[in-house]
Amino acid sequence: MYFLGIWLYLAYTTSGDKHQGLPTEGYQLAIALHLLGTLYLCAIVVRDILMPERDGVRRDGSDDPSGGVLDGADDVFVLGYAAAHPPRHAALMVAGPRVEWGTRGAPAAD
């Protein structure tokens, strides 16, 4: 939508007296909607950082699913609230086998 808003606004400003395209008010509306959408995504990211149990990726209780050998490693330092309280998502561990991505089993004997 934002992409179309830019190009339609450019069509409006460069079409001379015909003014075919999106007027300034419509372009400002497209900018406002783009900013609101970006702020919403930022809010979701911050929410998932502060409440890992709401994060779809870390819902199973893992520290960092793509962390490799550092997944589950102790933090070097912790600031603020997290320093005095255990993580809330630790109690949400799901029973079942843990998948180890990127690891290989023993090669088959020929």
PDB file of N, CA and C in Angstrom:
ATOM      1  N   MET A   1       0.821  -1.181   0.000  1.00  0.00           N
ATOM      2  CA  MET A   1       0.000   0.000   0.000  1.00  0.00           C
ATOM      3  C   MET A   1       0.875   1.259   0.000  1.00  0.00           C
ATOM      4  N   TYR A   2       1.932   1.243   0.820  1.00  0.00           N
ATOM      5  CA  TYR A   2       2.817   2.400   0.888  1.00  0.00           C
ATOM      6  C   TYR A   2       3.521   2.616  -0.455  1.00  0.00           C
ATOM      7  N   PHE A   3       3.943   1.512  -1.077  1.00  0.00           N
ATOM      8  CA  PHE A   3       4.590   1.582  -2.392  1.00  0.00           C
ATOM      9  C   PHE A   3       3.669   2.274  -3.399  1.00  0.00           C
ATOM     10  N   LEU A   4       2.415   1.841  -3.435  1.00  0.00           N
ATOM     11  CA  LEU A   4       1.446   2.470  -4.348  1.00  0.00           C
ATOM     12  C   LEU A   4       1.193   3.927  -3.979  1.00  0.00           C
ATOM     13  N   GLY A   5       1.174   4.218  -2.683  1.00  0.00           N
ATOM     14  CA  GLY A   5       0.973   5.596  -2.248  1.00  0.00           C
ATOM     15  C   GLY A   5       2.054   6.521  -2.764  1.00  0.00           C
ATOM     16  N   ILE A   6       3.309   6.060  -2.718  1.00  0.00           N
ATOM     17  CA  ILE A   6       4.410   6.887  -3.218  1.00  0.00           C
ATOM     18  C   ILE A   6       4.267   7.129  -4.712  1.00  0.00           C
ATOM     19  N   TRP A   7       4.044   6.060  -5.468  1.00  0.00           N
ATOM     20  CA  TRP A   7       3.993   6.207  -6.925  1.00  0.00           C
ATOM     21  C   TRP A   7       2.764   6.981  -7.381  1.00  0.00           C
ATOM     22  N   LEU A   8       1.652   6.803  -6.720  1.00  0.00           N
ATOM     23  CA  LEU A   8       0.465   7.575  -7.093  1.00  0.00           C
ATOM     24  C   LEU A   8       0.635   9.045  -6.741  1.00  0.00           C
ATOM     25  N   TYR A   9       1.328   9.320  -5.631  1.00  0.00           N
ATOM     26  CA  TYR A   9       1.604  10.711  -5.277  1.00  0.00           C
ATOM     27  C   TYR A   9       2.553  11.338  -6.303  1.00  0.00           C
ATOM     28  N   LEU A  10       3.567  10.593  -6.724  1.00  0.00           N
ATOM     29  CA  LEU A  10       4.469  11.100  -7.762  1.00  0.00           C
ATOM     30  C   LEU A  10       3.721  11.342  -9.071  1.00  0.00           C
ATOM     31  N   ALA A  11       2.775  10.462  -9.392  1.00  0.00           N
ATOM     32  CA  ALA A  11       1.962  10.674 -10.592  1.00  0.00           C
ATOM     33  C   ALA A  11       1.138  11.944 -10.459  1.00  0.00           C
ATOM     34  N   TYR A  12       0.645  12.221  -9.267  1.00  0.00           N
ATOM     35  CA  TYR A  12      -0.154  13.421  -9.016  1.00  0.00           C
ATOM     36  C   TYR A  12       0.686  14.683  -9.177  1.00  0.00           C
ATOM     37  N   THR A  13       1.916  14.649  -8.618  1.00  0.00           N
ATOM     38  CA  THR A  13       2.742  15.860  -8.636  1.00  0.00           C
ATOM     39  C   THR A  13       3.394  16.105  -9.987  1.00  0.00           C
ATOM     40  N   THR A  14       3.561  15.074 -10.799  1.00  0.00           N
ATOM     41  CA  THR A  14       4.249  15.253 -12.084  1.00  0.00           C
ATOM     42  C   THR A  14       3.296  15.268 -13.279  1.00  0.00           C
ATOM     43  N   SER A  15       1.999  15.234 -13.042  1.00  0.00           N
ATOM     44  CA  SER A  15       1.049  15.186 -14.159  1.00  0.00           C
ATOM     45  C   SER A  15       0.589  16.576 -14.598  1.00  0.00           C
ATOM     46  N   GLY A  16       1.250  17.602 -14.108  1.00  0.00           N
ATOM     47  CA  GLY A  16       0.884  18.958 -14.521  1.00  0.00           C
ATOM     48  C   GLY A  16      -0.446  19.384 -13.943  1.00  0.00           C
ATOM     49  N   ASP A  17      -1.256  20.016 -14.770  1.00  0.00           N
ATOM     50  CA  ASP A  17      -2.557  20.520 -14.307  1.00  0.00           C
ATOM     51  C   ASP A  17      -3.621  19.433 -14.258  1.00  0.00           C
ATOM     52  N   LYS A  18      -3.348  18.278 -14.814  1.00  0.00           N
ATOM     53  CA  LYS A  18      -4.343  17.190 -14.812  1.00  0.00           C
ATOM     54  C   LYS A  18      -4.516  16.593 -13.413  1.00  0.00           C
ATOM     55  N   HIS A  19      -3.467  16.570 -12.632  1.00  0.00           N
ATOM     56  CA  HIS A  19      -3.476  16.014 -11.269  1.00  0.00           C
ATOM     57  C   HIS A  19      -4.098  14.627 -11.223  1.00  0.00           C
ATOM     58  N   GLN A  20      -3.509  13.710 -11.963  1.00  0.00           N
ATOM     59  CA  GLN A  20      -3.955  12.320 -11.937  1.00  0.00           C
ATOM     60  C   GLN A  20      -3.096  11.551 -10.942  1.00  0.00           C
ATOM     61  N   GLY A  21      -3.699  11.022  -9.923  1.00  0.00           N
ATOM     62  CA  GLY A  21      -2.966  10.260  -8.919  1.00  0.00           C
ATOM     63  C   GLY A  21      -3.488  10.554  -7.534  1.00  0.00           C
ATOM     64  N   LEU A  22      -2.629  10.396  -6.547  1.00  0.00           N
ATOM     65  CA  LEU A  22      -3.001  10.544  -5.143  1.00  0.00           C
ATOM     66  C   LEU A  22      -2.643  11.944  -4.662  1.00  0.00           C
ATOM     67  N   PRO A  23      -3.625  12.713  -4.180  1.00  0.00           N
ATOM     68  CA  PRO A  23      -3.316  14.056  -3.686  1.00  0.00           C
ATOM     69  C   PRO A  23      -2.512  13.995  -2.380  1.00  0.00           C
ATOM     70  N   THR A  24      -2.039  15.136  -1.938  1.00  0.00           N
ATOM     71  CA  THR A  24      -1.181  15.228  -0.764  1.00  0.00           C
ATOM     72  C   THR A  24      -1.831  14.616   0.471  1.00  0.00           C
ATOM     73  N   GLU A  25      -3.124  14.831   0.670  1.00  0.00           N
ATOM     74  CA  GLU A  25      -3.802  14.283   1.853  1.00  0.00           C
ATOM     75  C   GLU A  25      -3.793  12.756   1.828  1.00  0.00           C
ATOM     76  N   GLY A  26      -4.001  12.187   0.661  1.00  0.00           N
ATOM     77  CA  GLY A  26      -3.957  10.727   0.545  1.00  0.00           C
ATOM     78  C   GLY A  26      -2.567  10.182   0.804  1.00  0.00           C
ATOM     79  N   TYR A  27      -1.551  10.899   0.334  1.00  0.00           N
ATOM     80  CA  TYR A  27      -0.170  10.490   0.575  1.00  0.00           C
ATOM     81  C   TYR A  27       0.162  10.560   2.067  1.00  0.00           C
ATOM     82  N   GLN A  28      -0.310  11.602   2.736  1.00  0.00           N
ATOM     83  CA  GLN A  28      -0.089  11.721   4.175  1.00  0.00           C
ATOM     84  C   GLN A  28      -0.792  10.592   4.933  1.00  0.00           C
ATOM     85  N   LEU A  29      -1.959  10.189   4.472  1.00  0.00           N
ATOM     86  CA  LEU A  29      -2.660   9.064   5.080  1.00  0.00           C
ATOM     87  C   LEU A  29      -1.863   7.770   4.889  1.00  0.00           C
ATOM     88  N   ALA A  30      -1.294   7.576   3.696  1.00  0.00           N
ATOM     89  CA  ALA A  30      -0.474   6.383   3.437  1.00  0.00           C
ATOM     90  C   ALA A  30       0.746   6.362   4.350  1.00  0.00           C
ATOM     91  N   ILE A  31       1.372   7.516   4.566  1.00  0.00           N
ATOM     92  CA  ILE A  31       2.523   7.603   5.475  1.00  0.00           C
ATOM     93  C   ILE A  31       2.091   7.268   6.898  1.00  0.00           C
ATOM     94  N   ALA A  32       0.965   7.812   7.339  1.00  0.00           N
ATOM     95  CA  ALA A  32       0.488   7.558   8.702  1.00  0.00           C
ATOM     96  C   ALA A  32       0.182   6.074   8.901  1.00  0.00           C
ATOM     97  N   LEU A  33      -0.461   5.430   7.932  1.00  0.00           N
ATOM     98  CA  LEU A  33      -0.750   3.994   8.041  1.00  0.00           C
ATOM     99  C   LEU A  33       0.534   3.173   8.056  1.00  0.00           C
ATOM    100  N   HIS A  34       1.503   3.575   7.251  1.00  0.00           N
ATOM    101  CA  HIS A  34       2.799   2.886   7.236  1.00  0.00           C
ATOM    102  C   HIS A  34       3.483   2.999   8.595  1.00  0.00           C
ATOM    103  N   LEU A  35       3.479   4.184   9.188  1.00  0.00           N
ATOM    104  CA  LEU A  35       4.084   4.373  10.509  1.00  0.00           C
ATOM    105  C   LEU A  35       3.344   3.587  11.589  1.00  0.00           C
ATOM    106  N   LEU A  36       2.031   3.568  11.530  1.00  0.00           N
ATOM    107  CA  LEU A  36       1.258   2.799  12.520  1.00  0.00           C
ATOM    108  C   LEU A  36       1.562   1.302  12.403  1.00  0.00           C
ATOM    109  N   GLY A  37       1.662   0.803  11.184  1.00  0.00           N
ATOM    110  CA  GLY A  37       2.001  -0.606  10.997  1.00  0.00           C
ATOM    111  C   GLY A  37       3.393  -0.933  11.517  1.00  0.00           C
ATOM    112  N   THR A  38       4.345  -0.043  11.273  1.00  0.00           N
ATOM    113  CA  THR A  38       5.704  -0.248  11.774  1.00  0.00           C
ATOM    114  C   THR A  38       5.738  -0.208  13.296  1.00  0.00           C
ATOM    115  N   LEU A  39       5.036   0.741  13.898  1.00  0.00           N
ATOM    116  CA  LEU A  39       4.974   0.817  15.359  1.00  0.00           C
ATOM    117  C   LEU A  39       4.309  -0.418  15.956  1.00  0.00           C
ATOM    118  N   TYR A  40       3.295  -0.951  15.291  1.00  0.00           N
ATOM    119  CA  TYR A  40       2.652  -2.175  15.771  1.00  0.00           C
ATOM    120  C   TYR A  40       3.647  -3.336  15.778  1.00  0.00           C
ATOM    121  N   LEU A  41       4.407  -3.489  14.700  1.00  0.00           N
ATOM    122  CA  LEU A  41       5.406  -4.563  14.649  1.00  0.00           C
ATOM    123  C   LEU A  41       6.471  -4.381  15.725  1.00  0.00           C
ATOM    124  N   CYS A  42       6.888  -3.149  15.959  1.00  0.00           N
ATOM    125  CA  CYS A  42       7.859  -2.879  17.029  1.00  0.00           C
ATOM    126  C   CYS A  42       7.279  -3.255  18.389  1.00  0.00           C
ATOM    127  N   ALA A  43       6.027  -2.925  18.618  1.00  0.00           N
ATOM    128  CA  ALA A  43       5.381  -3.255  19.893  1.00  0.00           C
ATOM    129  C   ALA A  43       5.300  -4.772  20.087  1.00  0.00           C
ATOM    130  N   ILE A  44       5.014  -5.516  19.035  1.00  0.00           N
ATOM    131  CA  ILE A  44       4.945  -6.979  19.135  1.00  0.00           C
ATOM    132  C   ILE A  44       6.314  -7.554  19.466  1.00  0.00           C
ATOM    133  N   VAL A  45       7.369  -7.022  18.863  1.00  0.00           N
ATOM    134  CA  VAL A  45       8.726  -7.502  19.152  1.00  0.00           C
ATOM    135  C   VAL A  45       9.089  -7.217  20.604  1.00  0.00           C
ATOM    136  N   VAL A  46       8.808  -6.009  21.088  1.00  0.00           N
ATOM    137  CA  VAL A  46       9.113  -5.670  22.479  1.00  0.00           C
ATOM    138  C   VAL A  46       8.294  -6.541  23.425  1.00  0.00           C
ATOM    139  N   ARG A  47       7.033  -6.776  23.110  1.00  0.00           N
ATOM    140  CA  ARG A  47       6.195  -7.643  23.950  1.00  0.00           C
ATOM    141  C   ARG A  47       6.774  -9.055  24.030  1.00  0.00           C
ATOM    142  N   ASP A  48       7.225  -9.587  22.900  1.00  0.00           N
ATOM    143  CA  ASP A  48       7.795 -10.936  22.895  1.00  0.00           C
ATOM    144  C   ASP A  48       9.111 -10.997  23.651  1.00  0.00           C
ATOM    145  N   ILE A  49       9.863  -9.904  23.672  1.00  0.00           N
ATOM    146  CA  ILE A  49      11.100  -9.864  24.453  1.00  0.00           C
ATOM    147  C   ILE A  49      10.779  -9.865  25.938  1.00  0.00           C
ATOM    148  N   LEU A  50       9.811  -9.059  26.343  1.00  0.00           N
ATOM    149  CA  LEU A  50       9.478  -8.936  27.757  1.00  0.00           C
ATOM    150  C   LEU A  50       8.648 -10.101  28.280  1.00  0.00           C
ATOM    151  N   MET A  51       7.879 -10.738  27.424  1.00  0.00           N
ATOM    152  CA  MET A  51       7.051 -11.873  27.835  1.00  0.00           C
ATOM    153  C   MET A  51       7.312 -13.050  26.893  1.00  0.00           C
ATOM    154  N   PRO A  52       8.383 -13.809  27.128  1.00  0.00           N
ATOM    155  CA  PRO A  52       8.737 -14.899  26.210  1.00  0.00           C
ATOM    156  C   PRO A  52       7.652 -15.959  26.058  1.00  0.00           C
ATOM    157  N   GLU A  53       6.778 -16.087  27.044  1.00  0.00           N
ATOM    158  CA  GLU A  53       5.713 -17.089  26.924  1.00  0.00           C
ATOM    159  C   GLU A  53       4.718 -16.731  25.822  1.00  0.00           C
ATOM    160  N   ARG A  54       4.688 -15.486  25.386  1.00  0.00           N
ATOM    161  CA  ARG A  54       3.809 -15.066  24.286  1.00  0.00           C
ATOM    162  C   ARG A  54       4.489 -15.178  22.925  1.00  0.00           C
ATOM    163  N   ASP A  55       5.802 -15.430  22.942  1.00  0.00           N
ATOM    164  CA  ASP A  55       6.583 -15.545  21.715  1.00  0.00           C
ATOM    165  C   ASP A  55       6.371 -16.924  21.107  1.00  0.00           C
ATOM    166  N   GLY A  56       5.892 -16.977  19.881  1.00  0.00           N
ATOM    167  CA  GLY A  56       5.623 -18.257  19.229  1.00  0.00           C
ATOM    168  C   GLY A  56       6.860 -19.108  19.038  1.00  0.00           C
ATOM    169  N   VAL A  57       8.013 -18.498  18.851  1.00  0.00           N
ATOM    170  CA  VAL A  57       9.246 -19.246  18.636  1.00  0.00           C
ATOM    171  C   VAL A  57       9.762 -19.835  19.938  1.00  0.00           C
ATOM    172  N   ARG A  58       9.677 -19.085  21.035  1.00  0.00           N
ATOM    173  CA  ARG A  58      10.216 -19.549  22.321  1.00  0.00           C
ATOM    174  C   ARG A  58       9.140 -20.097  23.250  1.00  0.00           C
ATOM    175  N   ARG A  59       7.976 -20.396  22.732  1.00  0.00           N
ATOM    176  CA  ARG A  59       6.869 -20.862  23.563  1.00  0.00           C
ATOM    177  C   ARG A  59       7.184 -22.179  24.266  1.00  0.00           C
ATOM    178  N   ASP A  60       8.046 -22.991  23.687  1.00  0.00           N
ATOM    179  CA  ASP A  60       8.374 -24.284  24.300  1.00  0.00           C
ATOM    180  C   ASP A  60       9.339 -24.152  25.467  1.00  0.00           C
ATOM    181  N   GLY A  61       9.810 -22.921  25.767  1.00  0.00           N
ATOM    182  CA  GLY A  61      10.694 -22.709  26.899  1.00  0.00           C
ATOM    183  C   GLY A  61      12.155 -22.642  26.534  1.00  0.00           C
ATOM    184  N   SER A  62      12.490 -22.821  25.276  1.00  0.00           N
ATOM    185  CA  SER A  62      13.895 -22.772  24.894  1.00  0.00           C
ATOM    186  C   SER A  62      14.410 -21.336  25.006  1.00  0.00           C
ATOM    187  N   ASP A  63      15.686 -21.237  25.292  1.00  0.00           N
ATOM    188  CA  ASP A  63      16.317 -19.936  25.465  1.00  0.00           C
ATOM    189  C   ASP A  63      16.459 -19.230  24.127  1.00  0.00           C
ATOM    190  N   ASP A  64      17.093 -19.895  23.171  1.00  0.00           N
ATOM    191  CA  ASP A  64      17.297 -19.341  21.835  1.00  0.00           C
ATOM    192  C   ASP A  64      17.358 -20.497  20.851  1.00  0.00           C
ATOM    193  N   PRO A  65      16.256 -20.805  20.161  1.00  0.00           N
ATOM    194  CA  PRO A  65      16.212 -21.974  19.283  1.00  0.00           C
ATOM    195  C   PRO A  65      17.282 -21.989  18.206  1.00  0.00           C
ATOM    196  N   SER A  66      17.726 -20.841  17.756  1.00  0.00           N
ATOM    197  CA  SER A  66      18.767 -20.812  16.730  1.00  0.00           C
ATOM    198  C   SER A  66      20.116 -20.430  17.322  1.00  0.00           C
ATOM    199  N   GLY A  67      20.269 -20.587  18.628  1.00  0.00           N
ATOM    200  CA  GLY A  67      21.495 -20.192  19.313  1.00  0.00           C
ATOM    201  C   GLY A  67      22.626 -21.183  19.191  1.00  0.00           C
ATOM    202  N   GLY A  68      22.352 -22.356  18.648  1.00  0.00           N
ATOM    203  CA  GLY A  68      23.409 -23.350  18.489  1.00  0.00           C
ATOM    204  C   GLY A  68      23.976 -23.788  19.833  1.00  0.00           C
ATOM    205  N   VAL A  69      25.294 -23.778  19.953  1.00  0.00           N
ATOM    206  CA  VAL A  69      25.935 -24.224  21.191  1.00  0.00           C
ATOM    207  C   VAL A  69      25.684 -23.259  22.340  1.00  0.00           C
ATOM    208  N   LEU A  70      25.248 -22.032  22.049  1.00  0.00           N
ATOM    209  CA  LEU A  70      24.988 -21.052  23.110  1.00  0.00           C
ATOM    210  C   LEU A  70      23.551 -21.110  23.625  1.00  0.00           C
ATOM    211  N   ASP A  71      22.708 -21.969  23.034  1.00  0.00           N
ATOM    212  CA  ASP A  71      21.338 -22.113  23.514  1.00  0.00           C
ATOM    213  C   ASP A  71      21.365 -22.677  24.925  1.00  0.00           C
ATOM    214  N   GLY A  72      20.782 -21.954  25.849  1.00  0.00           N
ATOM    215  CA  GLY A  72      20.741 -22.391  27.239  1.00  0.00           C
ATOM    216  C   GLY A  72      21.955 -21.998  28.044  1.00  0.00           C
ATOM    217  N   ALA A  73      22.937 -21.345  27.434  1.00  0.00           N
ATOM    218  CA  ALA A  73      24.132 -20.927  28.164  1.00  0.00           C
ATOM    219  C   ALA A  73      23.768 -19.809  29.137  1.00  0.00           C
ATOM    220  N   ASP A  74      24.517 -19.738  30.247  1.00  0.00           N
ATOM    221  CA  ASP A  74      24.280 -18.682  31.224  1.00  0.00           C
ATOM    222  C   ASP A  74      24.632 -17.330  30.623  1.00  0.00           C
ATOM    223  N   ASP A  75      23.883 -16.295  31.029  1.00  0.00           N
ATOM    224  CA  ASP A  75      24.166 -14.947  30.567  1.00  0.00           C
ATOM    225  C   ASP A  75      25.410 -14.416  31.278  1.00  0.00           C
ATOM    226  N   VAL A  76      26.188 -13.599  30.596  1.00  0.00           N
ATOM    227  CA  VAL A  76      27.387 -13.018  31.199  1.00  0.00           C
ATOM    228  C   VAL A  76      26.985 -12.033  32.275  1.00  0.00           C
ATOM    229  N   PHE A  77      26.010 -11.178  31.994  1.00  0.00           N
ATOM    230  CA  PHE A  77      25.470 -10.264  32.990  1.00  0.00           C
ATOM    231  C   PHE A  77      24.003 -10.031  32.688  1.00  0.00           C
ATOM    232  N   VAL A  78      23.243  -9.711  33.718  1.00  0.00           N
ATOM    233  CA  VAL A  78      21.808  -9.488  33.589  1.00  0.00           C
ATOM    234  C   VAL A  78      21.474  -8.187  34.284  1.00  0.00           C
ATOM    235  N   LEU A  79      20.631  -7.381  33.669  1.00  0.00           N
ATOM    236  CA  LEU A  79      20.253  -6.096  34.237  1.00  0.00           C
ATOM    237  C   LEU A  79      18.810  -6.095  34.702  1.00  0.00           C
ATOM    238  N   GLY A  80      18.501  -5.251  35.661  1.00  0.00           N
ATOM    239  CA  GLY A  80      17.132  -4.965  36.060  1.00  0.00           C
ATOM    240  C   GLY A  80      16.380  -6.132  36.678  1.00  0.00           C
ATOM    241  N   TYR A  81      15.121  -6.243  36.307  1.00  0.00           N
ATOM    242  CA  TYR A  81      14.188  -7.210  36.880  1.00  0.00           C
ATOM    243  C   TYR A  81      14.678  -8.646  36.684  1.00  0.00           C
ATOM    244  N   ALA A  82      15.249  -8.944  35.536  1.00  0.00           N
ATOM    245  CA  ALA A  82      15.670 -10.305  35.228  1.00  0.00           C
ATOM    246  C   ALA A  82      16.796 -10.777  36.134  1.00  0.00           C
ATOM    247  N   ALA A  83      17.558  -9.870  36.710  1.00  0.00           N
ATOM    248  CA  ALA A  83      18.667 -10.251  37.577  1.00  0.00           C
ATOM    249  C   ALA A  83      18.166 -10.881  38.876  1.00  0.00           C
ATOM    250  N   ALA A  84      17.012 -10.470  39.359  1.00  0.00           N
ATOM    251  CA  ALA A  84      16.507 -10.949  40.643  1.00  0.00           C
ATOM    252  C   ALA A  84      15.432 -12.015  40.523  1.00  0.00           C
ATOM    253  N   HIS A  85      14.905 -12.248  39.325  1.00  0.00           N
ATOM    254  CA  HIS A  85      13.793 -13.179  39.151  1.00  0.00           C
ATOM    255  C   HIS A  85      14.120 -14.211  38.080  1.00  0.00           C
ATOM    256  N   PRO A  86      13.733 -15.459  38.300  1.00  0.00           N
ATOM    257  CA  PRO A  86      13.958 -16.473  37.260  1.00  0.00           C
ATOM    258  C   PRO A  86      13.044 -16.223  36.068  1.00  0.00           C
ATOM    259  N   PRO A  87      13.414 -16.710  34.900  1.00  0.00           N
ATOM    260  CA  PRO A  87      12.556 -16.499  33.724  1.00  0.00           C
ATOM    261  C   PRO A  87      11.212 -17.201  33.881  1.00  0.00           C
ATOM    262  N   ARG A  88      10.146 -16.528  33.439  1.00  0.00           N
ATOM    263  CA  ARG A  88       8.803 -17.086  33.557  1.00  0.00           C
ATOM    264  C   ARG A  88       8.582 -18.238  32.594  1.00  0.00           C
ATOM    265  N   HIS A  89       9.300 -18.245  31.487  1.00  0.00           N
ATOM    266  CA  HIS A  89       9.056 -19.279  30.488  1.00  0.00           C
ATOM    267  C   HIS A  89       9.709 -20.608  30.853  1.00  0.00           C
ATOM    268  N   ALA A  90      10.520 -20.657  31.910  1.00  0.00           N
ATOM    269  CA  ALA A  90      11.171 -21.907  32.287  1.00  0.00           C
ATOM    270  C   ALA A  90      10.147 -22.954  32.729  1.00  0.00           C
ATOM    271  N   ALA A  91       9.015 -22.512  33.290  1.00  0.00           N
ATOM    272  CA  ALA A  91       7.990 -23.446  33.755  1.00  0.00           C
ATOM    273  C   ALA A  91       7.119 -23.972  32.618  1.00  0.00           C
ATOM    274  N   LEU A  92       7.283 -23.444  31.427  1.00  0.00           N
ATOM    275  CA  LEU A  92       6.428 -23.822  30.309  1.00  0.00           C
ATOM    276  C   LEU A  92       7.043 -24.900  29.426  1.00  0.00           C
ATOM    277  N   MET A  93       8.046 -25.586  29.907  1.00  0.00           N
ATOM    278  CA  MET A  93       8.711 -26.598  29.098  1.00  0.00           C
ATOM    279  C   MET A  93       7.710 -27.669  28.685  1.00  0.00           C
ATOM    280  N   VAL A  94       7.760 -28.060  27.440  1.00  0.00           N
ATOM    281  CA  VAL A  94       6.857 -29.057  26.892  1.00  0.00           C
ATOM    282  C   VAL A  94       7.540 -30.413  26.970  1.00  0.00           C
ATOM    283  N   ALA A  95       6.813 -31.406  27.478  1.00  0.00           N
ATOM    284  CA  ALA A  95       7.377 -32.749  27.564  1.00  0.00           C
ATOM    285  C   ALA A  95       7.480 -33.346  26.169  1.00  0.00           C
ATOM    286  N   GLY A  96       8.539 -34.052  25.920  1.00  0.00           N
ATOM    287  CA  GLY A  96       8.731 -34.688  24.624  1.00  0.00           C
ATOM    288  C   GLY A  96      10.172 -34.580  24.189  1.00  0.00           C
ATOM    289  N   PRO A  97      10.495 -35.227  23.101  1.00  0.00           N
ATOM    290  CA  PRO A  97      11.885 -35.194  22.650  1.00  0.00           C
ATOM    291  C   PRO A  97      12.263 -33.816  22.121  1.00  0.00           C
ATOM    292  N   ARG A  98      13.489 -33.421  22.405  1.00  0.00           N
ATOM    293  CA  ARG A  98      13.997 -32.140  21.919  1.00  0.00           C
ATOM    294  C   ARG A  98      14.696 -32.380  20.588  1.00  0.00           C
ATOM    295  N   VAL A  99      14.398 -31.558  19.624  1.00  0.00           N
ATOM    296  CA  VAL A  99      14.996 -31.673  18.300  1.00  0.00           C
ATOM    297  C   VAL A  99      16.301 -30.895  18.294  1.00  0.00           C
ATOM    298  N   GLU A 100      17.376 -31.533  17.881  1.00  0.00           N
ATOM    299  CA  GLU A 100      18.671 -30.877  17.768  1.00  0.00           C
ATOM    300  C   GLU A 100      18.939 -30.613  16.293  1.00  0.00           C
ATOM    301  N   TRP A 101      18.688 -29.405  15.848  1.00  0.00           N
ATOM    302  CA  TRP A 101      18.877 -29.050  14.459  1.00  0.00           C
ATOM    303  C   TRP A 101      20.353 -28.905  14.160  1.00  0.00           C
ATOM    304  N   GLY A 102      20.759 -29.366  13.000  1.00  0.00           N
ATOM    305  CA  GLY A 102      22.122 -29.187  12.552  1.00  0.00           C
ATOM    306  C   GLY A 102      23.111 -30.197  13.121  1.00  0.00           C
ATOM    307  N   THR A 103      22.615 -31.159  13.869  1.00  0.00           N
ATOM    308  CA  THR A 103      23.522 -32.185  14.394  1.00  0.00           C
ATOM    309  C   THR A 103      23.359 -33.431  13.554  1.00  0.00           C
ATOM    310  N   ARG A 104      24.403 -34.192  13.485  1.00  0.00           N
ATOM    311  CA  ARG A 104      24.360 -35.410  12.687  1.00  0.00           C
ATOM    312  C   ARG A 104      24.571 -36.603  13.607  1.00  0.00           C
ATOM    313  N   GLY A 105      23.883 -37.651  13.305  1.00  0.00           N
ATOM    314  CA  GLY A 105      24.079 -38.890  14.041  1.00  0.00           C
ATOM    315  C   GLY A 105      25.338 -39.577  13.544  1.00  0.00           C
ATOM    316  N   ALA A 106      25.628 -40.700  14.136  1.00  0.00           N
ATOM    317  CA  ALA A 106      26.795 -41.465  13.712  1.00  0.00           C
ATOM    318  C   ALA A 106      26.596 -41.962  12.284  1.00  0.00           C
ATOM    319  N   PRO A 107      27.648 -41.915  11.460  1.00  0.00           N
ATOM    320  CA  PRO A 107      27.502 -42.389  10.074  1.00  0.00           C
ATOM    321  C   PRO A 107      27.223 -43.890  10.062  1.00  0.00           C
ATOM    322  N   ALA A 108      26.434 -44.277   9.089  1.00  0.00           N
ATOM    323  CA  ALA A 108      26.068 -45.700   8.958  1.00  0.00           C
ATOM    324  C   ALA A 108      27.285 -46.502   8.538  1.00  0.00           C
ATOM    325  N   ALA A 109      27.442 -47.668   9.172  1.00  0.00           N
ATOM    326  CA  ALA A 109      28.555 -48.551   8.827  1.00  0.00           C
ATOM    327  C   ALA A 109      28.236 -49.292   7.554  1.00  0.00           C
ATOM    328  N   ASP A 110      29.222 -49.379   6.671  1.00  0.00           N
ATOM    329  CA  ASP A 110      29.004 -50.075   5.396  1.00  0.00           C
ATOM    330  C   ASP A 110      29.321 -51.532   5.516  1.00  0.00           C
TER     331      ASP A 110
END
